[in-house]
Amino acid sequence: STNYADSVKGRFTISRDNAKNTVYLLMNSLKPEDTAVYY
């Protein structure tokens, strides 16, 4: 189950692979205001 900030809805997609203990974030249609350190 996913939840997104309003500012990224429709542009970003979060996913995970439990077998690999890995989470992903696909960022599309990037804007200058997306500039940040991502944690």
PDB file of all heavy atoms in Angstrom:
ATOM      1  N   SER A   1       0.836  -1.188   0.000  1.00  0.00           N
ATOM      2  CA  SER A   1       0.000   0.000   0.000  1.00  0.00           C
ATOM      3  C   SER A   1       0.876   1.246   0.000  1.00  0.00           C
ATOM      4  O   SER A   1       1.847   1.329   0.751  1.00  0.00           O
ATOM      5  CB  SER A   1      -0.928   0.019   1.214  1.00  0.00           C
ATOM      6  OG  SER A   1      -1.831  -1.073   1.174  1.00  0.00           O
ATOM      7  N   THR A   2       0.521   2.216  -0.821  1.00  0.00           N
ATOM      8  CA  THR A   2       1.362   3.395  -1.003  1.00  0.00           C
ATOM      9  C   THR A   2       0.653   4.665  -0.587  1.00  0.00           C
ATOM     10  O   THR A   2      -0.575   4.746  -0.575  1.00  0.00           O
ATOM     11  CB  THR A   2       1.810   3.526  -2.463  1.00  0.00           C
ATOM     12  OG1 THR A   2       0.652   3.621  -3.311  1.00  0.00           O
ATOM     13  CG2 THR A   2       2.629   2.319  -2.883  1.00  0.00           C
ATOM     14  N   ASN A   3       1.456   5.663  -0.282  1.00  0.00           N
ATOM     15  CA  ASN A   3       0.962   6.984   0.050  1.00  0.00           C
ATOM     16  C   ASN A   3       1.960   8.003  -0.475  1.00  0.00           C
ATOM     17  O   ASN A   3       3.174   7.803  -0.354  1.00  0.00           O
ATOM     18  CB  ASN A   3       0.789   7.141   1.558  1.00  0.00           C
ATOM     19  CG  ASN A   3       0.148   8.456   1.939  1.00  0.00           C
ATOM     20  OD1 ASN A   3      -0.917   8.799   1.443  1.00  0.00           O
ATOM     21  ND2 ASN A   3       0.796   9.201   2.829  1.00  0.00           N
ATOM     22  N   TYR A   4       1.446   9.090  -1.060  1.00  0.00           N
ATOM     23  CA  TYR A   4       2.303  10.094  -1.676  1.00  0.00           C
ATOM     24  C   TYR A   4       1.964  11.482  -1.177  1.00  0.00           C
ATOM     25  O   TYR A   4       0.805  11.792  -0.883  1.00  0.00           O
ATOM     26  CB  TYR A   4       2.153  10.090  -3.197  1.00  0.00           C
ATOM     27  CG  TYR A   4       2.565   8.812  -3.873  1.00  0.00           C
ATOM     28  CD1 TYR A   4       1.641   7.796  -4.105  1.00  0.00           C
ATOM     29  CD2 TYR A   4       3.878   8.617  -4.288  1.00  0.00           C
ATOM     30  CE1 TYR A   4       2.021   6.624  -4.731  1.00  0.00           C
ATOM     31  CE2 TYR A   4       4.261   7.450  -4.912  1.00  0.00           C
ATOM     32  CZ  TYR A   4       3.329   6.452  -5.133  1.00  0.00           C
ATOM     33  OH  TYR A   4       3.698   5.282  -5.761  1.00  0.00           O
ATOM     34  N   ALA A   5       2.985  12.315  -1.112  1.00  0.00           N
ATOM     35  CA  ALA A   5       2.748  13.726  -0.896  1.00  0.00           C
ATOM     36  C   ALA A   5       2.013  14.299  -2.100  1.00  0.00           C
ATOM     37  O   ALA A   5       2.218  13.866  -3.239  1.00  0.00           O
ATOM     38  CB  ALA A   5       4.066  14.461  -0.687  1.00  0.00           C
ATOM     39  N   ASP A   6       1.160  15.284  -1.853  1.00  0.00           N
ATOM     40  CA  ASP A   6       0.390  15.865  -2.943  1.00  0.00           C
ATOM     41  C   ASP A   6       1.285  16.429  -4.047  1.00  0.00           C
ATOM     42  O   ASP A   6       0.935  16.388  -5.230  1.00  0.00           O
ATOM     43  CB  ASP A   6      -0.521  16.978  -2.416  1.00  0.00           C
ATOM     44  CG  ASP A   6      -1.683  16.438  -1.613  1.00  0.00           C
ATOM     45  OD1 ASP A   6      -2.002  15.242  -1.746  1.00  0.00           O
ATOM     46  OD2 ASP A   6      -2.281  17.220  -0.850  1.00  0.00           O
ATOM     47  N   SER A   7       2.435  16.930  -3.673  1.00  0.00           N
ATOM     48  CA  SER A   7       3.319  17.564  -4.634  1.00  0.00           C
ATOM     49  C   SER A   7       3.931  16.594  -5.640  1.00  0.00           C
ATOM     50  O   SER A   7       4.445  17.028  -6.674  1.00  0.00           O
ATOM     51  CB  SER A   7       4.441  18.310  -3.906  1.00  0.00           C
ATOM     52  OG  SER A   7       5.203  17.426  -3.108  1.00  0.00           O
ATOM     53  N   VAL A   8       3.881  15.294  -5.352  1.00  0.00           N
ATOM     54  CA  VAL A   8       4.500  14.325  -6.248  1.00  0.00           C
ATOM     55  C   VAL A   8       3.509  13.326  -6.820  1.00  0.00           C
ATOM     56  O   VAL A   8       3.898  12.494  -7.654  1.00  0.00           O
ATOM     57  CB  VAL A   8       5.653  13.571  -5.557  1.00  0.00           C
ATOM     58  CG1 VAL A   8       6.659  14.546  -4.964  1.00  0.00           C
ATOM     59  CG2 VAL A   8       5.127  12.618  -4.483  1.00  0.00           C
ATOM     60  N   LYS A   9       2.264  13.388  -6.415  1.00  0.00           N
ATOM     61  CA  LYS A   9       1.265  12.457  -6.924  1.00  0.00           C
ATOM     62  C   LYS A   9       1.152  12.562  -8.440  1.00  0.00           C
ATOM     63  O   LYS A   9       1.105  13.646  -9.001  1.00  0.00           O
ATOM     64  CB  LYS A   9      -0.095  12.726  -6.283  1.00  0.00           C
ATOM     65  CG  LYS A   9      -0.221  12.241  -4.861  1.00  0.00           C
ATOM     66  CD  LYS A   9      -1.619  12.498  -4.307  1.00  0.00           C
ATOM     67  CE  LYS A   9      -1.746  11.977  -2.887  1.00  0.00           C
ATOM     68  NZ  LYS A   9      -3.084  12.268  -2.315  1.00  0.00           N
ATOM     69  N   GLY A  10       1.112  11.417  -9.073  1.00  0.00           N
ATOM     70  CA  GLY A  10       1.031  11.374 -10.520  1.00  0.00           C
ATOM     71  C   GLY A  10       2.364  11.461 -11.214  1.00  0.00           C
ATOM     72  O   GLY A  10       2.435  11.237 -12.433  1.00  0.00           O
ATOM     73  N   ARG A  11       3.421  11.787 -10.484  1.00  0.00           N
ATOM     74  CA  ARG A  11       4.752  11.906 -11.073  1.00  0.00           C
ATOM     75  C   ARG A  11       5.732  10.871 -10.526  1.00  0.00           C
ATOM     76  O   ARG A  11       6.577  10.381 -11.266  1.00  0.00           O
ATOM     77  CB  ARG A  11       5.330  13.304 -10.839  1.00  0.00           C
ATOM     78  CG  ARG A  11       4.497  14.427 -11.447  1.00  0.00           C
ATOM     79  CD  ARG A  11       5.236  15.760 -11.372  1.00  0.00           C
ATOM     80  NE  ARG A  11       5.482  16.175  -9.991  1.00  0.00           N
ATOM     81  CZ  ARG A  11       6.687  16.413  -9.485  1.00  0.00           C
ATOM     82  NH1 ARG A  11       7.765  16.276 -10.252  1.00  0.00           N
ATOM     83  NH2 ARG A  11       6.822  16.810  -8.227  1.00  0.00           N
ATOM     84  N   PHE A  12       5.629  10.569  -9.240  1.00  0.00           N
ATOM     85  CA  PHE A  12       6.554   9.641  -8.592  1.00  0.00           C
ATOM     86  C   PHE A  12       5.858   8.314  -8.318  1.00  0.00           C
ATOM     87  O   PHE A  12       4.647   8.267  -8.062  1.00  0.00           O
ATOM     88  CB  PHE A  12       7.062  10.203  -7.264  1.00  0.00           C
ATOM     89  CG  PHE A  12       7.976  11.389  -7.378  1.00  0.00           C
ATOM     90  CD1 PHE A  12       8.170  12.051  -8.579  1.00  0.00           C
ATOM     91  CD2 PHE A  12       8.650  11.852  -6.248  1.00  0.00           C
ATOM     92  CE1 PHE A  12       9.013  13.146  -8.677  1.00  0.00           C
ATOM     93  CE2 PHE A  12       9.490  12.939  -6.332  1.00  0.00           C
ATOM     94  CZ  PHE A  12       9.675  13.595  -7.541  1.00  0.00           C
ATOM     95  N   THR A  13       6.624   7.248  -8.327  1.00  0.00           N
ATOM     96  CA  THR A  13       6.116   5.923  -8.011  1.00  0.00           C
ATOM     97  C   THR A  13       7.071   5.234  -7.054  1.00  0.00           C
ATOM     98  O   THR A  13       8.263   5.103  -7.346  1.00  0.00           O
ATOM     99  CB  THR A  13       5.948   5.059  -9.268  1.00  0.00           C
ATOM    100  OG1 THR A  13       5.061   5.708 -10.187  1.00  0.00           O
ATOM    101  CG2 THR A  13       5.365   3.701  -8.902  1.00  0.00           C
ATOM    102  N   ILE A  14       6.554   4.799  -5.919  1.00  0.00           N
ATOM    103  CA  ILE A  14       7.348   4.047  -4.959  1.00  0.00           C
ATOM    104  C   ILE A  14       7.012   2.566  -5.094  1.00  0.00           C
ATOM    105  O   ILE A  14       5.859   2.190  -5.327  1.00  0.00           O
ATOM    106  CB  ILE A  14       7.111   4.546  -3.516  1.00  0.00           C
ATOM    107  CG1 ILE A  14       8.096   3.888  -2.548  1.00  0.00           C
ATOM    108  CG2 ILE A  14       5.669   4.319  -3.074  1.00  0.00           C
ATOM    109  CD1 ILE A  14       8.059   4.486  -1.143  1.00  0.00           C
ATOM    110  N   SER A  15       8.009   1.730  -4.962  1.00  0.00           N
ATOM    111  CA  SER A  15       7.814   0.288  -5.035  1.00  0.00           C
ATOM    112  C   SER A  15       8.853  -0.386  -4.149  1.00  0.00           C
ATOM    113  O   SER A  15       9.801   0.251  -3.684  1.00  0.00           O
ATOM    114  CB  SER A  15       7.911  -0.218  -6.478  1.00  0.00           C
ATOM    115  OG  SER A  15       9.187   0.056  -7.028  1.00  0.00           O
ATOM    116  N   ARG A  16       8.676  -1.675  -3.920  1.00  0.00           N
ATOM    117  CA  ARG A  16       9.627  -2.395  -3.086  1.00  0.00           C
ATOM    118  C   ARG A  16       9.730  -3.847  -3.525  1.00  0.00           C
ATOM    119  O   ARG A  16       8.807  -4.407  -4.130  1.00  0.00           O
ATOM    120  CB  ARG A  16       9.236  -2.323  -1.602  1.00  0.00           C
ATOM    121  CG  ARG A  16       7.921  -3.014  -1.259  1.00  0.00           C
ATOM    122  CD  ARG A  16       7.501  -2.713   0.177  1.00  0.00           C
ATOM    123  NE  ARG A  16       8.312  -3.412   1.158  1.00  0.00           N
ATOM    124  CZ  ARG A  16       8.280  -3.177   2.471  1.00  0.00           C
ATOM    125  NH1 ARG A  16       7.485  -2.216   2.950  1.00  0.00           N
ATOM    126  NH2 ARG A  16       9.047  -3.873   3.296  1.00  0.00           N
ATOM    127  N   ASP A  17      10.848  -4.440  -3.198  1.00  0.00           N
ATOM    128  CA  ASP A  17      11.102  -5.847  -3.422  1.00  0.00           C
ATOM    129  C   ASP A  17      11.464  -6.430  -2.070  1.00  0.00           C
ATOM    130  O   ASP A  17      12.579  -6.242  -1.584  1.00  0.00           O
ATOM    131  CB  ASP A  17      12.224  -6.044  -4.439  1.00  0.00           C
ATOM    132  CG  ASP A  17      12.427  -7.497  -4.819  1.00  0.00           C
ATOM    133  OD1 ASP A  17      12.106  -8.388  -4.013  1.00  0.00           O
ATOM    134  OD2 ASP A  17      12.916  -7.756  -5.936  1.00  0.00           O
ATOM    135  N   ASN A  18      10.526  -7.117  -1.458  1.00  0.00           N
ATOM    136  CA  ASN A  18      10.746  -7.630  -0.109  1.00  0.00           C
ATOM    137  C   ASN A  18      11.864  -8.671  -0.054  1.00  0.00           C
ATOM    138  O   ASN A  18      12.582  -8.764   0.940  1.00  0.00           O
ATOM    139  CB  ASN A  18       9.451  -8.219   0.448  1.00  0.00           C
ATOM    140  CG  ASN A  18       8.410  -7.164   0.741  1.00  0.00           C
ATOM    141  OD1 ASN A  18       8.730  -5.994   0.964  1.00  0.00           O
ATOM    142  ND2 ASN A  18       7.144  -7.568   0.746  1.00  0.00           N
ATOM    143  N   ALA A  19      11.999  -9.453  -1.107  1.00  0.00           N
ATOM    144  CA  ALA A  19      13.044 -10.464  -1.137  1.00  0.00           C
ATOM    145  C   ALA A  19      14.431  -9.838  -1.141  1.00  0.00           C
ATOM    146  O   ALA A  19      15.396 -10.442  -0.673  1.00  0.00           O
ATOM    147  CB  ALA A  19      12.872 -11.380  -2.344  1.00  0.00           C
ATOM    148  N   LYS A  20      14.533  -8.622  -1.677  1.00  0.00           N
ATOM    149  CA  LYS A  20      15.809  -7.931  -1.756  1.00  0.00           C
ATOM    150  C   LYS A  20      15.959  -6.842  -0.702  1.00  0.00           C
ATOM    151  O   LYS A  20      16.983  -6.162  -0.673  1.00  0.00           O
ATOM    152  CB  LYS A  20      15.994  -7.319  -3.141  1.00  0.00           C
ATOM    153  CG  LYS A  20      16.047  -8.335  -4.267  1.00  0.00           C
ATOM    154  CD  LYS A  20      16.235  -7.649  -5.611  1.00  0.00           C
ATOM    155  CE  LYS A  20      16.320  -8.662  -6.734  1.00  0.00           C
ATOM    156  NZ  LYS A  20      16.482  -8.002  -8.052  1.00  0.00           N
ATOM    157  N   ASN A  21      14.943  -6.662   0.138  1.00  0.00           N
ATOM    158  CA  ASN A  21      14.961  -5.607   1.155  1.00  0.00           C
ATOM    159  C   ASN A  21      15.279  -4.247   0.534  1.00  0.00           C
ATOM    160  O   ASN A  21      16.067  -3.467   1.075  1.00  0.00           O
ATOM    161  CB  ASN A  21      15.963  -5.933   2.263  1.00  0.00           C
ATOM    162  CG  ASN A  21      15.533  -7.108   3.111  1.00  0.00           C
ATOM    163  OD1 ASN A  21      14.341  -7.330   3.328  1.00  0.00           O
ATOM    164  ND2 ASN A  21      16.499  -7.860   3.612  1.00  0.00           N
ATOM    165  N   THR A  22      14.644  -3.985  -0.573  1.00  0.00           N
ATOM    166  CA  THR A  22      14.957  -2.791  -1.342  1.00  0.00           C
ATOM    167  C   THR A  22      13.690  -2.003  -1.658  1.00  0.00           C
ATOM    168  O   THR A  22      12.655  -2.588  -1.984  1.00  0.00           O
ATOM    169  CB  THR A  22      15.670  -3.160  -2.652  1.00  0.00           C
ATOM    170  OG1 THR A  22      16.891  -3.845  -2.350  1.00  0.00           O
ATOM    171  CG2 THR A  22      16.000  -1.917  -3.465  1.00  0.00           C
ATOM    172  N   VAL A  23      13.797  -0.696  -1.568  1.00  0.00           N
ATOM    173  CA  VAL A  23      12.718   0.199  -1.939  1.00  0.00           C
ATOM    174  C   VAL A  23      13.212   1.106  -3.059  1.00  0.00           C
ATOM    175  O   VAL A  23      14.386   1.490  -3.087  1.00  0.00           O
ATOM    176  CB  VAL A  23      12.209   1.016  -0.731  1.00  0.00           C
ATOM    177  CG1 VAL A  23      13.306   1.915  -0.167  1.00  0.00           C
ATOM    178  CG2 VAL A  23      10.973   1.826  -1.107  1.00  0.00           C
ATOM    179  N   TYR A  24      12.307   1.436  -3.974  1.00  0.00           N
ATOM    180  CA  TYR A  24      12.649   2.228  -5.141  1.00  0.00           C
ATOM    181  C   TYR A  24      11.753   3.458  -5.216  1.00  0.00           C
ATOM    182  O   TYR A  24      10.634   3.462  -4.717  1.00  0.00           O
ATOM    183  CB  TYR A  24      12.470   1.424  -6.428  1.00  0.00           C
ATOM    184  CG  TYR A  24      13.161   0.087  -6.435  1.00  0.00           C
ATOM    185  CD1 TYR A  24      12.511  -1.053  -5.972  1.00  0.00           C
ATOM    186  CD2 TYR A  24      14.465  -0.044  -6.909  1.00  0.00           C
ATOM    187  CE1 TYR A  24      13.136  -2.288  -5.984  1.00  0.00           C
ATOM    188  CE2 TYR A  24      15.098  -1.274  -6.929  1.00  0.00           C
ATOM    189  CZ  TYR A  24      14.429  -2.394  -6.463  1.00  0.00           C
ATOM    190  OH  TYR A  24      15.054  -3.614  -6.477  1.00  0.00           O
ATOM    191  N   LEU A  25      12.252   4.460  -5.875  1.00  0.00           N
ATOM    192  CA  LEU A  25      11.451   5.637  -6.172  1.00  0.00           C
ATOM    193  C   LEU A  25      11.741   6.061  -7.600  1.00  0.00           C
ATOM    194  O   LEU A  25      12.868   6.453  -7.922  1.00  0.00           O
ATOM    195  CB  LEU A  25      11.761   6.786  -5.204  1.00  0.00           C
ATOM    196  CG  LEU A  25      10.883   8.024  -5.357  1.00  0.00           C
ATOM    197  CD1 LEU A  25       9.448   7.726  -4.927  1.00  0.00           C
ATOM    198  CD2 LEU A  25      11.448   9.197  -4.557  1.00  0.00           C
ATOM    199  N   LEU A  26      10.729   5.965  -8.442  1.00  0.00           N
ATOM    200  CA  LEU A  26      10.837   6.418  -9.818  1.00  0.00           C
ATOM    201  C   LEU A  26      10.245   7.810  -9.905  1.00  0.00           C
ATOM    202  O   LEU A  26       9.072   8.008  -9.576  1.00  0.00           O
ATOM    203  CB  LEU A  26      10.111   5.461 -10.764  1.00  0.00           C
ATOM    204  CG  LEU A  26      10.018   5.885 -12.231  1.00  0.00           C
ATOM    205  CD1 LEU A  26      11.401   6.045 -12.839  1.00  0.00           C
ATOM    206  CD2 LEU A  26       9.181   4.902 -13.022  1.00  0.00           C
ATOM    207  N   MET A  27      11.038   8.759 -10.351  1.00  0.00           N
ATOM    208  CA  MET A  27      10.632  10.154 -10.414  1.00  0.00           C
ATOM    209  C   MET A  27      10.543  10.589 -11.867  1.00  0.00           C
ATOM    210  O   MET A  27      11.548  10.593 -12.585  1.00  0.00           O
ATOM    211  CB  MET A  27      11.625  11.030  -9.648  1.00  0.00           C
ATOM    212  CG  MET A  27      11.731  10.676  -8.168  1.00  0.00           C
ATOM    213  SD  MET A  27      13.007  11.626  -7.292  1.00  0.00           S
ATOM    214  CE  MET A  27      14.476  10.766  -7.882  1.00  0.00           C
ATOM    215  N   ASN A  28       9.356  10.932 -12.290  1.00  0.00           N
ATOM    216  CA  ASN A  28       9.114  11.414 -13.642  1.00  0.00           C
ATOM    217  C   ASN A  28       8.710  12.881 -13.620  1.00  0.00           C
ATOM    218  O   ASN A  28       8.304  13.416 -12.590  1.00  0.00           O
ATOM    219  CB  ASN A  28       8.012  10.594 -14.316  1.00  0.00           C
ATOM    220  CG  ASN A  28       8.403   9.160 -14.562  1.00  0.00           C
ATOM    221  OD1 ASN A  28       9.523   8.865 -14.950  1.00  0.00           O
ATOM    222  ND2 ASN A  28       7.454   8.243 -14.339  1.00  0.00           N
ATOM    223  N   SER A  29       8.814  13.515 -14.771  1.00  0.00           N
ATOM    224  CA  SER A  29       8.416  14.921 -14.917  1.00  0.00           C
ATOM    225  C   SER A  29       9.007  15.787 -13.818  1.00  0.00           C
ATOM    226  O   SER A  29       8.311  16.574 -13.169  1.00  0.00           O
ATOM    227  CB  SER A  29       6.886  15.032 -14.929  1.00  0.00           C
ATOM    228  OG  SER A  29       6.321  14.257 -15.961  1.00  0.00           O
ATOM    229  N   LEU A  30      10.280  15.662 -13.623  1.00  0.00           N
ATOM    230  CA  LEU A  30      10.947  16.348 -12.526  1.00  0.00           C
ATOM    231  C   LEU A  30      10.928  17.862 -12.706  1.00  0.00           C
ATOM    232  O   LEU A  30      11.030  18.378 -13.821  1.00  0.00           O
ATOM    233  CB  LEU A  30      12.379  15.853 -12.388  1.00  0.00           C
ATOM    234  CG  LEU A  30      12.508  14.485 -11.700  1.00  0.00           C
ATOM    235  CD1 LEU A  30      13.860  13.859 -11.988  1.00  0.00           C
ATOM    236  CD2 LEU A  30      12.294  14.627 -10.198  1.00  0.00           C
ATOM    237  N   LYS A  31      10.800  18.539 -11.587  1.00  0.00           N
ATOM    238  CA  LYS A  31      10.762  19.994 -11.534  1.00  0.00           C
ATOM    239  C   LYS A  31      11.921  20.509 -10.693  1.00  0.00           C
ATOM    240  O   LYS A  31      12.430  19.797  -9.832  1.00  0.00           O
ATOM    241  CB  LYS A  31       9.441  20.468 -10.915  1.00  0.00           C
ATOM    242  CG  LYS A  31       8.197  19.936 -11.594  1.00  0.00           C
ATOM    243  CD  LYS A  31       6.951  20.338 -10.817  1.00  0.00           C
ATOM    244  CE  LYS A  31       5.700  19.796 -11.463  1.00  0.00           C
ATOM    245  NZ  LYS A  31       4.478  20.169 -10.691  1.00  0.00           N
ATOM    246  N   PRO A  32      12.340  21.751 -10.912  1.00  0.00           N
ATOM    247  CA  PRO A  32      13.417  22.300 -10.074  1.00  0.00           C
ATOM    248  C   PRO A  32      13.111  22.225  -8.583  1.00  0.00           C
ATOM    249  O   PRO A  32      14.034  22.031  -7.784  1.00  0.00           O
ATOM    250  CB  PRO A  32      13.523  23.748 -10.557  1.00  0.00           C
ATOM    251  CG  PRO A  32      13.090  23.692 -11.979  1.00  0.00           C
ATOM    252  CD  PRO A  32      11.985  22.665 -12.005  1.00  0.00           C
ATOM    253  N   GLU A  33      11.852  22.362  -8.217  1.00  0.00           N
ATOM    254  CA  GLU A  33      11.494  22.299  -6.809  1.00  0.00           C
ATOM    255  C   GLU A  33      11.618  20.903  -6.212  1.00  0.00           C
ATOM    256  O   GLU A  33      11.471  20.732  -4.998  1.00  0.00           O
ATOM    257  CB  GLU A  33      10.075  22.842  -6.575  1.00  0.00           C
ATOM    258  CG  GLU A  33       9.036  22.269  -7.510  1.00  0.00           C
ATOM    259  CD  GLU A  33       8.756  23.164  -8.706  1.00  0.00           C
ATOM    260  OE1 GLU A  33       9.725  23.632  -9.333  1.00  0.00           O
ATOM    261  OE2 GLU A  33       7.564  23.399  -9.000  1.00  0.00           O
ATOM    262  N   ASP A  34      11.884  19.895  -7.037  1.00  0.00           N
ATOM    263  CA  ASP A  34      12.166  18.562  -6.532  1.00  0.00           C
ATOM    264  C   ASP A  34      13.608  18.419  -6.051  1.00  0.00           C
ATOM    265  O   ASP A  34      13.965  17.387  -5.468  1.00  0.00           O
ATOM    266  CB  ASP A  34      11.893  17.504  -7.601  1.00  0.00           C
ATOM    267  CG  ASP A  34      10.427  17.410  -7.982  1.00  0.00           C
ATOM    268  OD1 ASP A  34       9.570  17.458  -7.077  1.00  0.00           O
ATOM    269  OD2 ASP A  34      10.135  17.283  -9.189  1.00  0.00           O
ATOM    270  N   THR A  35      14.422  19.417  -6.316  1.00  0.00           N
ATOM    271  CA  THR A  35      15.817  19.377  -5.906  1.00  0.00           C
ATOM    272  C   THR A  35      15.927  19.273  -4.391  1.00  0.00           C
ATOM    273  O   THR A  35      15.385  20.099  -3.656  1.00  0.00           O
ATOM    274  CB  THR A  35      16.563  20.622  -6.392  1.00  0.00           C
ATOM    275  OG1 THR A  35      16.574  20.640  -7.824  1.00  0.00           O
ATOM    276  CG2 THR A  35      17.999  20.626  -5.891  1.00  0.00           C
ATOM    277  N   ALA A  36      16.624  18.256  -3.924  1.00  0.00           N
ATOM    278  CA  ALA A  36      16.756  18.009  -2.495  1.00  0.00           C
ATOM    279  C   ALA A  36      17.673  16.815  -2.284  1.00  0.00           C
ATOM    280  O   ALA A  36      18.030  16.109  -3.230  1.00  0.00           O
ATOM    281  CB  ALA A  36      15.391  17.732  -1.853  1.00  0.00           C
ATOM    282  N   VAL A  37      18.027  16.604  -1.040  1.00  0.00           N
ATOM    283  CA  VAL A  37      18.645  15.350  -0.645  1.00  0.00           C
ATOM    284  C   VAL A  37      17.530  14.385  -0.290  1.00  0.00           C
ATOM    285  O   VAL A  37      16.668  14.699   0.535  1.00  0.00           O
ATOM    286  CB  VAL A  37      19.603  15.523   0.545  1.00  0.00           C
ATOM    287  CG1 VAL A  37      20.164  14.170   0.977  1.00  0.00           C
ATOM    288  CG2 VAL A  37      20.733  16.473   0.181  1.00  0.00           C
ATOM    289  N   TYR A  38      17.535  13.236  -0.914  1.00  0.00           N
ATOM    290  CA  TYR A  38      16.500  12.235  -0.702  1.00  0.00           C
ATOM    291  C   TYR A  38      17.008  11.166   0.248  1.00  0.00           C
ATOM    292  O   TYR A  38      18.075  10.584   0.042  1.00  0.00           O
ATOM    293  CB  TYR A  38      16.077  11.616  -2.040  1.00  0.00           C
ATOM    294  CG  TYR A  38      15.179  12.524  -2.837  1.00  0.00           C
ATOM    295  CD1 TYR A  38      15.678  13.683  -3.419  1.00  0.00           C
ATOM    296  CD2 TYR A  38      13.827  12.231  -3.002  1.00  0.00           C
ATOM    297  CE1 TYR A  38      14.855  14.531  -4.134  1.00  0.00           C
ATOM    298  CE2 TYR A  38      12.998  13.075  -3.720  1.00  0.00           C
ATOM    299  CZ  TYR A  38      13.514  14.223  -4.284  1.00  0.00           C
ATOM    300  OH  TYR A  38      12.692  15.066  -5.002  1.00  0.00           O
ATOM    301  N   TYR A  39      16.223  10.905   1.281  1.00  0.00           N
ATOM    302  CA  TYR A  39      16.596   9.963   2.319  1.00  0.00           C
ATOM    303  C   TYR A  39      15.650   8.765   2.326  1.00  0.00           C
ATOM    304  O   TYR A  39      14.431   8.926   2.266  1.00  0.00           O
ATOM    305  CB  TYR A  39      16.549  10.612   3.702  1.00  0.00           C
ATOM    306  CG  TYR A  39      17.534  11.726   3.908  1.00  0.00           C
ATOM    307  CD1 TYR A  39      17.187  13.047   3.640  1.00  0.00           C
ATOM    308  CD2 TYR A  39      18.819  11.465   4.385  1.00  0.00           C
ATOM    309  CE1 TYR A  39      18.089  14.075   3.841  1.00  0.00           C
ATOM    310  CE2 TYR A  39      19.729  12.486   4.585  1.00  0.00           C
ATOM    311  CZ  TYR A  39      19.354  13.791   4.313  1.00  0.00           C
ATOM    312  OH  TYR A  39      20.245  14.812   4.514  1.00  0.00           O
TER     313      TYR A  39
END
